[in-house]
Amino acid sequence: WVTTDSGLFELIKAGDSFILRRPAALTDPDITRVSLRNYLKDGNIYWFGTYGDGLIRYDIHSKQKKWFRPDGNNERSLGYEVVNKILYDRDKNILVCHDNGLSILYKGAESFECYYADGKGSRLSNRYVYDAYDDGDRIWIGTFGGGINVLDKKTKEISYLTTNDGLCDDAIYTITAENDSVLWLGTNKGL
């Protein structure tokens, strides 16, 4: 499957070429026509991160969907409607990286724990979060301009790694782990 600004498509190899078409298993126009950034699959459940419409949970068999969007009257709602990446942590909680921080949807929950650059308590160094990685004890958060933010999962405290600490750049787009001992960071200035 391929996520695009025009919804969801599947790329199918046909001989020496490829065909791009709407997935037959997913016919809901709310999902196939919205600007999608990425998705996760967990059995019958699909999670879609959108550009401007928040997070969607969709059951492909029952066709039921739930939208998670920011709500100014609910501090436990999704932190922002522009989702850059969604991924699972090691405990199967969903990490939502967005243009206003990081929101965590704990397994079985319907509300989020949110971390912002301008919020109370533990603060991120930059509001734009593009990627995250869970090493078991900490969540490494890649920000655009604030370097790496390291969230201690037990204490909820955040520490920071920036160019002042040796990073080649403070714009972090991707985080990839190698054998849980080395983190490769994709930045404006390379790895």
Protein backbone atom coordinates (compact mmCIF):
# COMPACT_ATOMS: atom_id res chain seq x y z
CA TRP A 1 0.00 0.00 0.00
CA VAL A 2 1.04 3.58 -0.71
CA THR A 3 -0.14 6.63 1.23
CA THR A 4 -0.57 9.83 -0.79
CA ASP A 5 -2.17 13.27 -0.66
CA SER A 6 -5.03 11.71 -2.65
CA GLY A 7 -5.65 8.83 -0.25
CA LEU A 8 -4.58 5.21 -0.18
CA PHE A 9 -3.45 3.12 -3.15
CA GLU A 10 -1.94 -0.29 -3.70
CA LEU A 11 0.98 -0.82 -6.04
CA ILE A 12 0.71 -4.09 -7.95
CA LYS A 13 3.37 -5.60 -10.19
CA ALA A 14 1.91 -6.54 -13.58
CA GLY A 15 4.57 -8.13 -15.75
CA ASP A 16 7.31 -5.56 -16.35
CA SER A 17 5.26 -2.64 -15.07
CA PHE A 18 3.18 -1.59 -12.06
CA ILE A 19 -0.47 -0.71 -11.59
CA LEU A 20 -1.59 1.83 -8.99
CA ARG A 21 -5.20 1.40 -7.81
CA ARG A 22 -7.45 1.80 -4.79
CA PRO A 23 -7.29 -1.22 -2.45
CA ALA A 24 -10.33 -3.45 -2.96
CA ALA A 25 -10.39 -4.28 0.77
CA LEU A 26 -10.63 -0.61 1.73
CA THR A 27 -13.55 1.20 0.15
CA ASP A 28 -14.47 3.84 2.75
CA PRO A 29 -14.25 7.22 0.96
CA ASP A 30 -13.31 8.98 4.23
CA ILE A 31 -10.09 7.00 4.22
CA THR A 32 -9.39 6.48 0.53
CA ARG A 33 -9.76 10.19 -0.30
CA VAL A 34 -8.04 11.91 2.66
CA SER A 35 -4.38 13.00 2.58
CA LEU A 36 -2.52 10.15 4.29
CA ARG A 37 1.04 10.20 5.62
CA ASN A 38 1.42 6.61 6.82
CA TYR A 39 -0.36 3.64 8.37
CA LEU A 40 -0.01 0.75 10.81
CA LYS A 41 -1.73 -2.61 10.61
CA ASP A 42 -2.65 -4.73 13.62
CA GLY A 43 -4.82 -7.66 12.60
CA ASN A 44 -8.12 -6.25 11.35
CA ILE A 45 -7.30 -2.77 12.66
CA TYR A 46 -5.60 -0.13 10.54
CA TRP A 47 -4.30 3.15 11.91
CA PHE A 48 -3.91 6.02 9.43
CA GLY A 49 -1.91 9.17 10.09
CA THR A 50 -3.27 12.06 8.05
CA TYR A 51 -2.16 15.47 6.92
CA GLY A 52 -4.72 17.75 8.54
CA ASP A 53 -7.33 15.23 9.74
CA GLY A 54 -5.58 13.63 12.73
CA LEU A 55 -5.46 9.88 13.33
CA ILE A 56 -7.98 7.33 12.09
CA ARG A 57 -8.60 3.86 13.55
CA TYR A 58 -10.39 1.63 11.05
CA ASP A 59 -11.62 -1.95 11.43
CA ILE A 60 -11.44 -3.44 7.95
CA HIS A 61 -14.02 -6.17 8.72
CA SER A 62 -16.71 -4.24 10.61
CA LYS A 63 -16.00 -1.04 8.60
CA GLN A 64 -16.17 0.97 11.83
CA LYS A 65 -13.87 3.95 12.14
CA LYS A 66 -12.93 6.41 14.82
CA TRP A 67 -11.25 9.76 14.23
CA PHE A 68 -8.82 11.14 16.80
CA ARG A 69 -8.43 14.90 16.47
CA PRO A 70 -7.23 17.74 18.68
CA ASP A 71 -9.82 19.18 21.04
CA GLY A 72 -8.92 22.42 22.82
CA ASN A 73 -11.26 21.45 25.68
CA ASN A 74 -9.60 18.06 26.25
CA GLU A 75 -5.91 17.94 27.19
CA ARG A 76 -5.94 14.16 26.59
CA SER A 77 -6.94 14.49 22.93
CA LEU A 78 -4.54 14.09 20.02
CA GLY A 79 -1.99 16.93 20.14
CA TYR A 80 -2.26 18.08 16.51
CA GLU A 81 -4.03 17.20 13.25
CA VAL A 82 -0.89 16.99 11.06
CA VAL A 83 0.56 13.54 11.72
CA ASN A 84 4.12 12.97 10.50
CA LYS A 85 4.56 9.36 11.61
CA ILE A 86 2.81 6.67 13.62
CA LEU A 87 4.62 3.70 15.10
CA TYR A 88 4.40 1.15 17.87
CA ASP A 89 6.63 1.25 20.91
CA ARG A 90 7.84 -2.00 22.49
CA ASP A 91 4.66 -2.31 24.54
CA LYS A 92 2.37 -1.94 21.48
CA ASN A 93 1.39 1.60 22.46
CA ILE A 94 1.02 3.95 19.51
CA LEU A 95 3.44 6.86 19.23
CA VAL A 96 2.07 9.71 17.13
CA CYS A 97 4.71 12.16 15.89
CA HIS A 98 3.08 15.39 14.77
CA ASP A 99 3.67 19.08 14.10
CA ASN A 100 3.01 20.00 17.72
CA GLY A 101 4.95 17.32 19.61
CA LEU A 102 4.39 13.68 20.50
CA SER A 103 1.16 11.97 21.57
CA ILE A 104 1.10 8.46 23.06
CA LEU A 105 -2.01 6.29 22.85
CA TYR A 106 -1.57 3.52 25.40
CA LYS A 107 -2.80 0.07 24.43
CA GLY A 108 -6.55 -0.18 25.03
CA ALA A 109 -6.93 3.54 25.83
CA GLU A 110 -9.04 6.12 24.03
CA SER A 111 -7.08 9.19 25.15
CA PHE A 112 -3.49 10.38 24.77
CA GLU A 113 -0.54 11.42 26.88
CA CYS A 114 0.92 14.43 25.08
CA TYR A 115 4.31 16.13 25.09
CA TYR A 116 4.67 19.64 23.71
CA ALA A 117 7.39 22.25 23.32
CA ASP A 118 5.20 24.88 24.97
CA GLY A 119 3.40 22.67 27.49
CA LYS A 120 3.56 22.25 31.23
CA GLY A 121 5.88 19.77 32.92
CA SER A 122 8.26 17.80 30.69
CA ARG A 123 8.81 19.85 27.56
CA LEU A 124 10.16 19.04 24.14
CA SER A 125 12.87 21.30 22.73
CA ASN A 126 10.97 21.77 19.44
CA ARG A 127 7.33 21.30 18.43
CA TYR A 128 7.98 19.49 15.14
CA VAL A 129 8.45 15.75 15.76
CA TYR A 130 9.22 13.52 12.77
CA ASP A 131 10.27 10.18 14.24
CA ALA A 132 10.71 8.26 17.49
CA TYR A 133 12.35 5.07 18.72
CA ASP A 134 11.71 3.08 21.91
CA ASP A 135 14.77 1.33 23.37
CA GLY A 136 12.76 -0.22 26.21
CA ASP A 137 13.53 2.38 28.89
CA ARG A 138 13.51 5.56 26.83
CA ILE A 139 11.76 7.02 23.83
CA TRP A 140 14.18 8.84 21.52
CA ILE A 141 12.31 11.67 19.80
CA GLY A 142 13.57 13.26 16.58
CA THR A 143 12.66 16.94 16.30
CA PHE A 144 13.08 19.45 13.50
CA GLY A 145 15.51 21.96 14.99
CA GLY A 146 15.66 20.71 18.57
CA GLY A 147 17.87 17.66 18.06
CA ILE A 148 17.04 14.46 19.91
CA ASN A 149 14.78 14.55 22.96
CA VAL A 150 15.05 11.51 25.25
CA LEU A 151 11.91 10.69 27.26
CA ASP A 152 12.45 8.46 30.29
CA LYS A 153 9.42 6.16 30.25
CA LYS A 154 9.31 5.77 34.04
CA THR A 155 10.03 9.28 35.32
CA LYS A 156 8.56 11.11 32.27
CA GLU A 157 11.56 13.45 32.35
CA ILE A 158 13.08 14.63 29.07
CA SER A 159 16.75 15.23 28.34
CA TYR A 160 18.20 16.70 25.15
CA LEU A 161 20.99 15.97 22.68
CA THR A 162 21.89 18.70 20.19
CA THR A 163 24.78 19.93 18.08
CA ASN A 164 26.25 21.20 21.36
CA ASP A 165 26.55 17.53 22.38
CA GLY A 166 28.05 16.38 19.08
CA LEU A 167 25.09 15.84 16.72
CA CYS A 168 25.90 16.93 13.17
CA ASP A 169 22.55 18.75 12.88
CA ASP A 170 19.50 19.52 15.04
CA ALA A 171 16.96 18.63 12.32
CA ILE A 172 16.22 14.92 12.82
CA TYR A 173 13.97 13.28 10.22
CA THR A 174 14.49 9.57 10.87
CA ILE A 175 15.79 7.33 13.64
CA THR A 176 16.89 3.78 12.84
CA ALA A 177 18.33 1.39 15.40
CA GLU A 178 21.07 -1.10 14.67
CA ASN A 179 20.99 -4.06 17.09
CA ASP A 180 19.57 -1.81 19.84
CA SER A 181 23.03 -0.40 20.43
CA VAL A 182 23.51 2.23 17.72
CA LEU A 183 21.00 4.82 16.54
CA TRP A 184 21.35 6.15 13.00
CA LEU A 185 19.87 9.63 12.60
CA GLY A 186 18.81 11.08 9.25
CA THR A 187 19.45 14.85 9.30
CA ASN A 188 19.84 17.81 6.93
CA LYS A 189 23.59 17.11 7.02
CA GLY A 190 23.52 13.36 6.47
CA LEU A 191 23.78 10.54 9.00
